[in-house]
């Protein structure tokens, strides 16, 4: 029988802890370009989390038709606002934009998502004061269930900038044997079946099925997409839960933990707080 890794419950505890630690009013600024249904859902989750943690929330929304140079100037204006404590650019951006052109406009002291080249560079070197929110969220979730990564065989499906790459770096630091598979990998199942800890962050519904999972494995679903009008992950829960020892739900697993750790980063950067 599997155990559910309840990210929603743990995230609520983190938000309460944040609320107690805040010494001055903080504001999270979110930049959204275009209309993306999944992005709107995530932004709503951030707004609600901010309310619970006692943090102001400000959405800066721009039409999909906006020109690159104009959007850059608008982001630069937002960066200069002293009352905006931390800034995130909601991804994905419209396809016409190069994400790095905009992410690199966020200074390190306001980069709560750890996505600019400067912030990522410090993270990769191991000198960043904060971790990428998804990395921090997954680590805290595993720790809360006393799941030790040392010596474990970890397989990450997807090599994206938000999940796969930073997780691989951090899990190596946690002394796990870590592999990444991507769309070019031949016979993905041959990797996933050997994983003590399996993490998927691709954004493809039902990508991971029960016959691809080792019995008793820890399965972390960090993917998200709309399927039949609902927000779903990458893992086919009905079949995988019959094999897994631990599994995260979607929604209610990695998502709320990522949001809570994003706000935790905001407080750490602005108040030099330790959690």
C-alpha atoms as a PDB file:
ATOM      1  CA  UNK A   1       0.000   0.000   0.000  1.00  0.00           C
ATOM      2  CA  UNK A   2       1.436   3.357  -1.034  1.00  0.00           C
ATOM      3  CA  UNK A   3       1.867   6.401   1.168  1.00  0.00           C
ATOM      4  CA  UNK A   4       0.730   9.751  -0.205  1.00  0.00           C
ATOM      5  CA  UNK A   5       3.349  12.517  -0.092  1.00  0.00           C
ATOM      6  CA  UNK A   6       1.041  15.330   0.983  1.00  0.00           C
ATOM      7  CA  UNK A   7       2.561  18.557  -0.295  1.00  0.00           C
ATOM      8  CA  UNK A   8      -0.548  20.591   0.402  1.00  0.00           C
ATOM      9  CA  UNK A   9      -0.478  19.926   4.143  1.00  0.00           C
ATOM     10  CA  UNK A  10       3.255  20.599   4.457  1.00  0.00           C
ATOM     11  CA  UNK A  11       3.012  23.772   2.359  1.00  0.00           C
ATOM     12  CA  UNK A  12       0.375  25.148   4.712  1.00  0.00           C
ATOM     13  CA  UNK A  13       2.789  24.676   7.613  1.00  0.00           C
ATOM     14  CA  UNK A  14       5.528  26.504   5.682  1.00  0.00           C
ATOM     15  CA  UNK A  15       3.185  29.421   4.918  1.00  0.00           C
ATOM     16  CA  UNK A  16       2.278  29.734   8.616  1.00  0.00           C
ATOM     17  CA  UNK A  17       5.988  29.707   9.483  1.00  0.00           C
ATOM     18  CA  UNK A  18       6.624  32.448   6.926  1.00  0.00           C
ATOM     19  CA  UNK A  19       3.836  34.596   8.335  1.00  0.00           C
ATOM     20  CA  UNK A  20       5.413  34.434  11.784  1.00  0.00           C
ATOM     21  CA  UNK A  21       8.859  35.398  10.463  1.00  0.00           C
ATOM     22  CA  UNK A  22       7.880  38.439   8.386  1.00  0.00           C
ATOM     23  CA  UNK A  23       9.132  41.634  10.040  1.00  0.00           C
ATOM     24  CA  UNK A  24       8.136  44.075   7.300  1.00  0.00           C
ATOM     25  CA  UNK A  25       5.619  44.073   4.469  1.00  0.00           C
ATOM     26  CA  UNK A  26       6.873  42.242   1.401  1.00  0.00           C
ATOM     27  CA  UNK A  27       5.447  42.193  -2.123  1.00  0.00           C
ATOM     28  CA  UNK A  28       5.743  39.493  -4.768  1.00  0.00           C
ATOM     29  CA  UNK A  29       5.531  40.819  -8.326  1.00  0.00           C
ATOM     30  CA  UNK A  30       4.483  38.408 -11.081  1.00  0.00           C
ATOM     31  CA  UNK A  31       4.975  39.212 -14.769  1.00  0.00           C
ATOM     32  CA  UNK A  32       2.620  37.458 -17.202  1.00  0.00           C
ATOM     33  CA  UNK A  33       2.775  37.892 -20.980  1.00  0.00           C
ATOM     34  CA  UNK A  34      -0.092  36.475 -23.006  1.00  0.00           C
ATOM     35  CA  UNK A  35      -2.927  34.174 -21.980  1.00  0.00           C
ATOM     36  CA  UNK A  36      -1.939  30.707 -20.824  1.00  0.00           C
ATOM     37  CA  UNK A  37      -4.579  28.744 -18.914  1.00  0.00           C
ATOM     38  CA  UNK A  38      -2.101  26.708 -16.865  1.00  0.00           C
ATOM     39  CA  UNK A  39      -0.100  29.854 -16.048  1.00  0.00           C
ATOM     40  CA  UNK A  40      -3.293  31.525 -14.834  1.00  0.00           C
ATOM     41  CA  UNK A  41      -3.908  28.571 -12.495  1.00  0.00           C
ATOM     42  CA  UNK A  42      -0.381  28.787 -11.070  1.00  0.00           C
ATOM     43  CA  UNK A  43      -0.650  32.547 -10.629  1.00  0.00           C
ATOM     44  CA  UNK A  44      -3.900  32.102  -8.734  1.00  0.00           C
ATOM     45  CA  UNK A  45      -2.155  29.613  -6.436  1.00  0.00           C
ATOM     46  CA  UNK A  46       0.620  32.134  -5.784  1.00  0.00           C
ATOM     47  CA  UNK A  47      -1.904  34.850  -5.006  1.00  0.00           C
ATOM     48  CA  UNK A  48      -3.712  32.653  -2.482  1.00  0.00           C
ATOM     49  CA  UNK A  49      -0.425  31.570  -0.862  1.00  0.00           C
ATOM     50  CA  UNK A  50       0.654  35.200  -0.521  1.00  0.00           C
ATOM     51  CA  UNK A  51      -2.602  36.025   1.259  1.00  0.00           C
ATOM     52  CA  UNK A  52      -2.068  33.154   3.702  1.00  0.00           C
ATOM     53  CA  UNK A  53       1.535  34.164   4.397  1.00  0.00           C
ATOM     54  CA  UNK A  54       0.783  37.877   4.815  1.00  0.00           C
ATOM     55  CA  UNK A  55       2.645  38.911   1.646  1.00  0.00           C
ATOM     56  CA  UNK A  56       1.346  41.434  -0.874  1.00  0.00           C
ATOM     57  CA  UNK A  57       0.764  40.193  -4.425  1.00  0.00           C
ATOM     58  CA  UNK A  58       1.004  42.266  -7.594  1.00  0.00           C
ATOM     59  CA  UNK A  59       0.294  40.957 -11.101  1.00  0.00           C
ATOM     60  CA  UNK A  60       1.795  42.771 -14.088  1.00  0.00           C
ATOM     61  CA  UNK A  61      -0.053  41.416 -17.111  1.00  0.00           C
ATOM     62  CA  UNK A  62       0.838  42.200 -20.720  1.00  0.00           C
ATOM     63  CA  UNK A  63      -0.868  41.228 -24.003  1.00  0.00           C
ATOM     64  CA  UNK A  64       0.634  38.553 -26.217  1.00  0.00           C
ATOM     65  CA  UNK A  65       1.056  41.177 -28.963  1.00  0.00           C
ATOM     66  CA  UNK A  66       3.569  43.182 -26.916  1.00  0.00           C
ATOM     67  CA  UNK A  67       6.931  43.765 -28.587  1.00  0.00           C
ATOM     68  CA  UNK A  68      10.081  42.328 -27.024  1.00  0.00           C
ATOM     69  CA  UNK A  69      11.760  45.694 -26.419  1.00  0.00           C
ATOM     70  CA  UNK A  70       8.636  47.147 -24.841  1.00  0.00           C
ATOM     71  CA  UNK A  71       8.265  44.167 -22.507  1.00  0.00           C
ATOM     72  CA  UNK A  72      11.918  44.502 -21.496  1.00  0.00           C
ATOM     73  CA  UNK A  73      11.399  48.175 -20.632  1.00  0.00           C
ATOM     74  CA  UNK A  74       8.300  47.347 -18.603  1.00  0.00           C
ATOM     75  CA  UNK A  75      10.166  44.665 -16.640  1.00  0.00           C
ATOM     76  CA  UNK A  76      13.009  47.110 -15.995  1.00  0.00           C
ATOM     77  CA  UNK A  77      10.453  49.544 -14.554  1.00  0.00           C
ATOM     78  CA  UNK A  78       9.074  46.829 -12.290  1.00  0.00           C
ATOM     79  CA  UNK A  79      12.574  45.908 -11.117  1.00  0.00           C
ATOM     80  CA  UNK A  80      13.173  49.513 -10.086  1.00  0.00           C
ATOM     81  CA  UNK A  81      10.059  49.655  -7.904  1.00  0.00           C
ATOM     82  CA  UNK A  82      11.317  49.693  -4.301  1.00  0.00           C
ATOM     83  CA  UNK A  83       8.012  48.300  -3.010  1.00  0.00           C
ATOM     84  CA  UNK A  84       8.322  45.126  -5.137  1.00  0.00           C
ATOM     85  CA  UNK A  85      10.456  42.802  -3.010  1.00  0.00           C
ATOM     86  CA  UNK A  86      10.737  39.841  -5.366  1.00  0.00           C
ATOM     87  CA  UNK A  87       9.864  39.265  -9.020  1.00  0.00           C
ATOM     88  CA  UNK A  88       9.053  36.220 -11.089  1.00  0.00           C
ATOM     89  CA  UNK A  89       8.386  35.941 -14.803  1.00  0.00           C
ATOM     90  CA  UNK A  90       5.705  33.338 -15.258  1.00  0.00           C
ATOM     91  CA  UNK A  91       6.838  30.655 -17.677  1.00  0.00           C
ATOM     92  CA  UNK A  92       6.308  29.633 -20.380  1.00  0.00           C
ATOM     93  CA  UNK A  93       6.540  32.924 -22.222  1.00  0.00           C
ATOM     94  CA  UNK A  94       4.971  33.188 -25.703  1.00  0.00           C
ATOM     95  CA  UNK A  95       7.084  31.269 -28.242  1.00  0.00           C
ATOM     96  CA  UNK A  96       8.254  34.442 -29.991  1.00  0.00           C
ATOM     97  CA  UNK A  97      10.295  35.408 -26.926  1.00  0.00           C
ATOM     98  CA  UNK A  98      13.680  34.085 -25.760  1.00  0.00           C
ATOM     99  CA  UNK A  99      13.191  33.482 -21.997  1.00  0.00           C
ATOM    100  CA  UNK A 100      16.776  34.389 -21.030  1.00  0.00           C
ATOM    101  CA  UNK A 101      16.357  37.885 -22.487  1.00  0.00           C
ATOM    102  CA  UNK A 102      13.797  38.611 -19.786  1.00  0.00           C
ATOM    103  CA  UNK A 103      14.894  36.382 -16.903  1.00  0.00           C
ATOM    104  CA  UNK A 104      18.311  38.056 -16.891  1.00  0.00           C
ATOM    105  CA  UNK A 105      16.661  41.406 -16.203  1.00  0.00           C
ATOM    106  CA  UNK A 106      15.820  40.259 -12.680  1.00  0.00           C
ATOM    107  CA  UNK A 107      18.586  41.159 -10.193  1.00  0.00           C
ATOM    108  CA  UNK A 108      19.765  38.440  -7.829  1.00  0.00           C
ATOM    109  CA  UNK A 109      18.322  40.172  -4.769  1.00  0.00           C
ATOM    110  CA  UNK A 110      14.836  39.943  -6.328  1.00  0.00           C
ATOM    111  CA  UNK A 111      15.221  36.650  -8.216  1.00  0.00           C
ATOM    112  CA  UNK A 112      13.141  34.384  -5.973  1.00  0.00           C
ATOM    113  CA  UNK A 113      12.773  31.828  -8.784  1.00  0.00           C
ATOM    114  CA  UNK A 114      16.578  31.463  -9.222  1.00  0.00           C
ATOM    115  CA  UNK A 115      16.295  31.615 -13.015  1.00  0.00           C
ATOM    116  CA  UNK A 116      18.618  34.387 -14.168  1.00  0.00           C
ATOM    117  CA  UNK A 117      22.048  33.299 -15.411  1.00  0.00           C
ATOM    118  CA  UNK A 118      23.682  35.002 -12.422  1.00  0.00           C
ATOM    119  CA  UNK A 119      21.425  33.267  -9.890  1.00  0.00           C
ATOM    120  CA  UNK A 120      21.684  29.898 -11.595  1.00  0.00           C
ATOM    121  CA  UNK A 121      25.459  30.264 -11.764  1.00  0.00           C
ATOM    122  CA  UNK A 122      25.648  30.670  -7.999  1.00  0.00           C
ATOM    123  CA  UNK A 123      23.306  27.718  -7.500  1.00  0.00           C
ATOM    124  CA  UNK A 124      25.406  25.481  -9.752  1.00  0.00           C
ATOM    125  CA  UNK A 125      28.525  26.562  -7.847  1.00  0.00           C
ATOM    126  CA  UNK A 126      26.841  25.769  -4.559  1.00  0.00           C
ATOM    127  CA  UNK A 127      27.045  29.330  -3.215  1.00  0.00           C
ATOM    128  CA  UNK A 128      23.468  30.520  -3.713  1.00  0.00           C
ATOM    129  CA  UNK A 129      21.666  31.646  -0.528  1.00  0.00           C
ATOM    130  CA  UNK A 130      18.469  30.018  -1.826  1.00  0.00           C
ATOM    131  CA  UNK A 131      17.478  26.948  -3.847  1.00  0.00           C
ATOM    132  CA  UNK A 132      15.190  26.903  -6.894  1.00  0.00           C
ATOM    133  CA  UNK A 133      11.653  26.589  -5.459  1.00  0.00           C
ATOM    134  CA  UNK A 134      10.840  23.214  -7.010  1.00  0.00           C
ATOM    135  CA  UNK A 135      14.153  21.768  -5.798  1.00  0.00           C
ATOM    136  CA  UNK A 136      13.585  23.094  -2.295  1.00  0.00           C
ATOM    137  CA  UNK A 137       9.979  21.901  -2.292  1.00  0.00           C
ATOM    138  CA  UNK A 138      10.840  18.341  -3.295  1.00  0.00           C
ATOM    139  CA  UNK A 139      13.738  18.133  -0.820  1.00  0.00           C
ATOM    140  CA  UNK A 140      11.576  19.373   2.054  1.00  0.00           C
ATOM    141  CA  UNK A 141       8.794  16.970   1.106  1.00  0.00           C
ATOM    142  CA  UNK A 142      11.182  14.002   1.083  1.00  0.00           C
ATOM    143  CA  UNK A 143      12.756  15.119   4.355  1.00  0.00           C
ATOM    144  CA  UNK A 144       9.368  15.420   6.059  1.00  0.00           C
ATOM    145  CA  UNK A 145       8.698  11.753   5.253  1.00  0.00           C
ATOM    146  CA  UNK A 146      12.243  10.777   6.300  1.00  0.00           C
ATOM    147  CA  UNK A 147      13.217   9.624   2.824  1.00  0.00           C
ATOM    148  CA  UNK A 148      17.005   9.706   2.594  1.00  0.00           C
ATOM    149  CA  UNK A 149      18.579  10.226  -0.833  1.00  0.00           C
ATOM    150  CA  UNK A 150      22.116   9.136   0.024  1.00  0.00           C
ATOM    151  CA  UNK A 151      23.101   6.127  -2.057  1.00  0.00           C
ATOM    152  CA  UNK A 152      19.703   5.935  -3.763  1.00  0.00           C
ATOM    153  CA  UNK A 153      19.297   5.432  -7.492  1.00  0.00           C
ATOM    154  CA  UNK A 154      17.445   8.560  -8.689  1.00  0.00           C
ATOM    155  CA  UNK A 155      16.042   8.856 -12.202  1.00  0.00           C
ATOM    156  CA  UNK A 156      14.726  12.207 -13.447  1.00  0.00           C
ATOM    157  CA  UNK A 157      12.545  12.227 -16.546  1.00  0.00           C
ATOM    158  CA  UNK A 158      12.937  15.558 -18.327  1.00  0.00           C
ATOM    159  CA  UNK A 159      15.934  17.896 -18.475  1.00  0.00           C
ATOM    160  CA  UNK A 160      14.105  21.224 -18.230  1.00  0.00           C
ATOM    161  CA  UNK A 161      15.408  24.368 -16.569  1.00  0.00           C
ATOM    162  CA  UNK A 162      12.669  24.377 -13.904  1.00  0.00           C
ATOM    163  CA  UNK A 163      12.825  20.768 -12.724  1.00  0.00           C
ATOM    164  CA  UNK A 164      15.245  18.306 -14.310  1.00  0.00           C
ATOM    165  CA  UNK A 165      18.556  20.156 -14.511  1.00  0.00           C
ATOM    166  CA  UNK A 166      18.545  21.865 -11.090  1.00  0.00           C
ATOM    167  CA  UNK A 167      17.236  18.716  -9.400  1.00  0.00           C
ATOM    168  CA  UNK A 168      20.029  16.630 -10.895  1.00  0.00           C
ATOM    169  CA  UNK A 169      22.643  19.040  -9.557  1.00  0.00           C
ATOM    170  CA  UNK A 170      21.120  19.097  -6.081  1.00  0.00           C
ATOM    171  CA  UNK A 171      20.579  15.351  -5.875  1.00  0.00           C
ATOM    172  CA  UNK A 172      24.221  14.748  -6.722  1.00  0.00           C
ATOM    173  CA  UNK A 173      25.034  16.993  -3.758  1.00  0.00           C
ATOM    174  CA  UNK A 174      22.733  14.810  -1.670  1.00  0.00           C
ATOM    175  CA  UNK A 175      24.991  11.871  -2.644  1.00  0.00           C
ATOM    176  CA  UNK A 176      22.399  10.125  -4.798  1.00  0.00           C
ATOM    177  CA  UNK A 177      23.295   8.263  -7.991  1.00  0.00           C
ATOM    178  CA  UNK A 178      21.450  10.454 -10.475  1.00  0.00           C
ATOM    179  CA  UNK A 179      20.416   9.917 -14.094  1.00  0.00           C
ATOM    180  CA  UNK A 180      18.408  12.129 -16.458  1.00  0.00           C
ATOM    181  CA  UNK A 181      16.416  10.762 -19.368  1.00  0.00           C
ATOM    182  CA  UNK A 182      14.921  12.913 -22.113  1.00  0.00           C
ATOM    183  CA  UNK A 183      13.014  12.580 -25.371  1.00  0.00           C
ATOM    184  CA  UNK A 184      16.151  11.291 -27.101  1.00  0.00           C
ATOM    185  CA  UNK A 185      16.660   8.464 -24.600  1.00  0.00           C
ATOM    186  CA  UNK A 186      16.135   4.995 -26.019  1.00  0.00           C
ATOM    187  CA  UNK A 187      14.009   2.708 -23.856  1.00  0.00           C
ATOM    188  CA  UNK A 188      13.159   5.120 -21.048  1.00  0.00           C
ATOM    189  CA  UNK A 189      11.477   2.326 -19.104  1.00  0.00           C
ATOM    190  CA  UNK A 190      14.791   0.502 -18.713  1.00  0.00           C
ATOM    191  CA  UNK A 191      15.940   3.459 -16.607  1.00  0.00           C
ATOM    192  CA  UNK A 192      12.730   4.167 -14.695  1.00  0.00           C
ATOM    193  CA  UNK A 193      12.286   0.519 -13.630  1.00  0.00           C
ATOM    194  CA  UNK A 194      15.581   0.704 -11.711  1.00  0.00           C
ATOM    195  CA  UNK A 195      14.811   3.952  -9.881  1.00  0.00           C
ATOM    196  CA  UNK A 196      14.515   4.015  -6.103  1.00  0.00           C
ATOM    197  CA  UNK A 197      13.315   7.587  -6.557  1.00  0.00           C
ATOM    198  CA  UNK A 198      11.597   8.531  -9.817  1.00  0.00           C
ATOM    199  CA  UNK A 199      10.845  12.157 -10.657  1.00  0.00           C
ATOM    200  CA  UNK A 200       9.027  13.328 -13.770  1.00  0.00           C
ATOM    201  CA  UNK A 201       8.681  16.945 -14.871  1.00  0.00           C
ATOM    202  CA  UNK A 202       7.834  16.875 -18.562  1.00  0.00           C
ATOM    203  CA  UNK A 203       4.267  18.142 -18.820  1.00  0.00           C
ATOM    204  CA  UNK A 204       2.846  15.128 -20.684  1.00  0.00           C
ATOM    205  CA  UNK A 205      -0.234  13.444 -19.137  1.00  0.00           C
ATOM    206  CA  UNK A 206       0.079   9.766 -18.192  1.00  0.00           C
ATOM    207  CA  UNK A 207       3.654   9.521 -19.451  1.00  0.00           C
ATOM    208  CA  UNK A 208       4.722   7.289 -16.547  1.00  0.00           C
ATOM    209  CA  UNK A 209       2.661   4.127 -16.139  1.00  0.00           C
ATOM    210  CA  UNK A 210       2.718   1.340 -13.577  1.00  0.00           C
ATOM    211  CA  UNK A 211       4.768  -1.054 -15.682  1.00  0.00           C
ATOM    212  CA  UNK A 212       7.573   1.540 -15.820  1.00  0.00           C
ATOM    213  CA  UNK A 213       8.014   1.735 -12.042  1.00  0.00           C
ATOM    214  CA  UNK A 214       9.984  -0.377  -9.588  1.00  0.00           C
ATOM    215  CA  UNK A 215       7.952  -1.879  -6.755  1.00  0.00           C
ATOM    216  CA  UNK A 216       8.222   0.278  -3.638  1.00  0.00           C
ATOM    217  CA  UNK A 217       9.739   3.262  -5.473  1.00  0.00           C
ATOM    218  CA  UNK A 218       9.279   6.873  -4.420  1.00  0.00           C
ATOM    219  CA  UNK A 219       7.475   8.618  -7.288  1.00  0.00           C
ATOM    220  CA  UNK A 220       7.481  12.413  -7.491  1.00  0.00           C
ATOM    221  CA  UNK A 221       5.197  13.918 -10.124  1.00  0.00           C
ATOM    222  CA  UNK A 222       6.480  17.421 -10.940  1.00  0.00           C
ATOM    223  CA  UNK A 223       4.689  17.713 -14.277  1.00  0.00           C
ATOM    224  CA  UNK A 224       1.588  19.742 -15.002  1.00  0.00           C
ATOM    225  CA  UNK A 225      -0.714  20.159 -17.976  1.00  0.00           C
ATOM    226  CA  UNK A 226      -4.377  20.402 -18.825  1.00  0.00           C
ATOM    227  CA  UNK A 227      -6.062  17.152 -19.799  1.00  0.00           C
ATOM    228  CA  UNK A 228      -9.804  16.881 -20.359  1.00  0.00           C
ATOM    229  CA  UNK A 229     -10.211  20.237 -18.647  1.00  0.00           C
ATOM    230  CA  UNK A 230      -8.324  19.249 -15.499  1.00  0.00           C
ATOM    231  CA  UNK A 231      -4.836  19.996 -14.184  1.00  0.00           C
ATOM    232  CA  UNK A 232      -2.928  16.706 -14.238  1.00  0.00           C
ATOM    233  CA  UNK A 233       0.641  15.501 -13.835  1.00  0.00           C
ATOM    234  CA  UNK A 234       2.895  13.175 -15.821  1.00  0.00           C
ATOM    235  CA  UNK A 235       2.171  10.065 -13.771  1.00  0.00           C
ATOM    236  CA  UNK A 236      -0.777   7.761 -14.354  1.00  0.00           C
ATOM    237  CA  UNK A 237      -1.777   7.677 -10.704  1.00  0.00           C
ATOM    238  CA  UNK A 238      -4.171   4.722 -10.915  1.00  0.00           C
ATOM    239  CA  UNK A 239      -1.541   2.255 -12.156  1.00  0.00           C
ATOM    240  CA  UNK A 240       1.608   3.724 -10.580  1.00  0.00           C
ATOM    241  CA  UNK A 241       0.103   3.928  -7.091  1.00  0.00           C
ATOM    242  CA  UNK A 242      -0.279   0.133  -7.152  1.00  0.00           C
ATOM    243  CA  UNK A 243       3.514  -0.235  -7.454  1.00  0.00           C
ATOM    244  CA  UNK A 244       4.908   2.797  -5.618  1.00  0.00           C
ATOM    245  CA  UNK A 245       5.858   2.954  -1.964  1.00  0.00           C
ATOM    246  CA  UNK A 246       5.366   6.730  -1.910  1.00  0.00           C
ATOM    247  CA  UNK A 247       3.699   8.958  -4.488  1.00  0.00           C
ATOM    248  CA  UNK A 248       2.738  12.618  -4.858  1.00  0.00           C
ATOM    249  CA  UNK A 249      -0.742  13.573  -6.042  1.00  0.00           C
ATOM    250  CA  UNK A 250      -1.507  16.200  -8.694  1.00  0.00           C
ATOM    251  CA  UNK A 251      -2.775  18.593  -7.595  1.00  0.00           C
ATOM    252  CA  UNK A 252      -1.639  18.700  -3.979  1.00  0.00           C
ATOM    253  CA  UNK A 253       1.925  17.438  -4.227  1.00  0.00           C
ATOM    254  CA  UNK A 254       4.879  19.310  -5.705  1.00  0.00           C
ATOM    255  CA  UNK A 255       2.833  22.331  -6.842  1.00  0.00           C
ATOM    256  CA  UNK A 256       1.915  23.809  -3.440  1.00  0.00           C
ATOM    257  CA  UNK A 257       5.394  23.029  -2.126  1.00  0.00           C
ATOM    258  CA  UNK A 258       6.979  24.970  -5.000  1.00  0.00           C
ATOM    259  CA  UNK A 259       4.789  27.992  -4.294  1.00  0.00           C
ATOM    260  CA  UNK A 260       5.483  27.886  -0.545  1.00  0.00           C
ATOM    261  CA  UNK A 261       9.243  27.627  -1.143  1.00  0.00           C
ATOM    262  CA  UNK A 262       9.070  30.519  -3.604  1.00  0.00           C
ATOM    263  CA  UNK A 263       7.707  32.700  -0.800  1.00  0.00           C
ATOM    264  CA  UNK A 264      10.264  31.231   1.592  1.00  0.00           C
ATOM    265  CA  UNK A 265      12.945  32.427  -0.848  1.00  0.00           C
ATOM    266  CA  UNK A 266      11.422  35.895  -0.853  1.00  0.00           C
ATOM    267  CA  UNK A 267      11.707  36.140   2.925  1.00  0.00           C
ATOM    268  CA  UNK A 268      15.231  34.688   2.956  1.00  0.00           C
ATOM    269  CA  UNK A 269      16.486  37.214   0.385  1.00  0.00           C
ATOM    270  CA  UNK A 270      14.884  40.269   1.952  1.00  0.00           C
ATOM    271  CA  UNK A 271      15.279  39.460   5.641  1.00  0.00           C
ATOM    272  CA  UNK A 272      18.260  37.086   5.603  1.00  0.00           C
ATOM    273  CA  UNK A 273      16.089  34.647   7.519  1.00  0.00           C
ATOM    274  CA  UNK A 274      16.968  31.027   8.175  1.00  0.00           C
ATOM    275  CA  UNK A 275      14.250  28.366   8.122  1.00  0.00           C
END
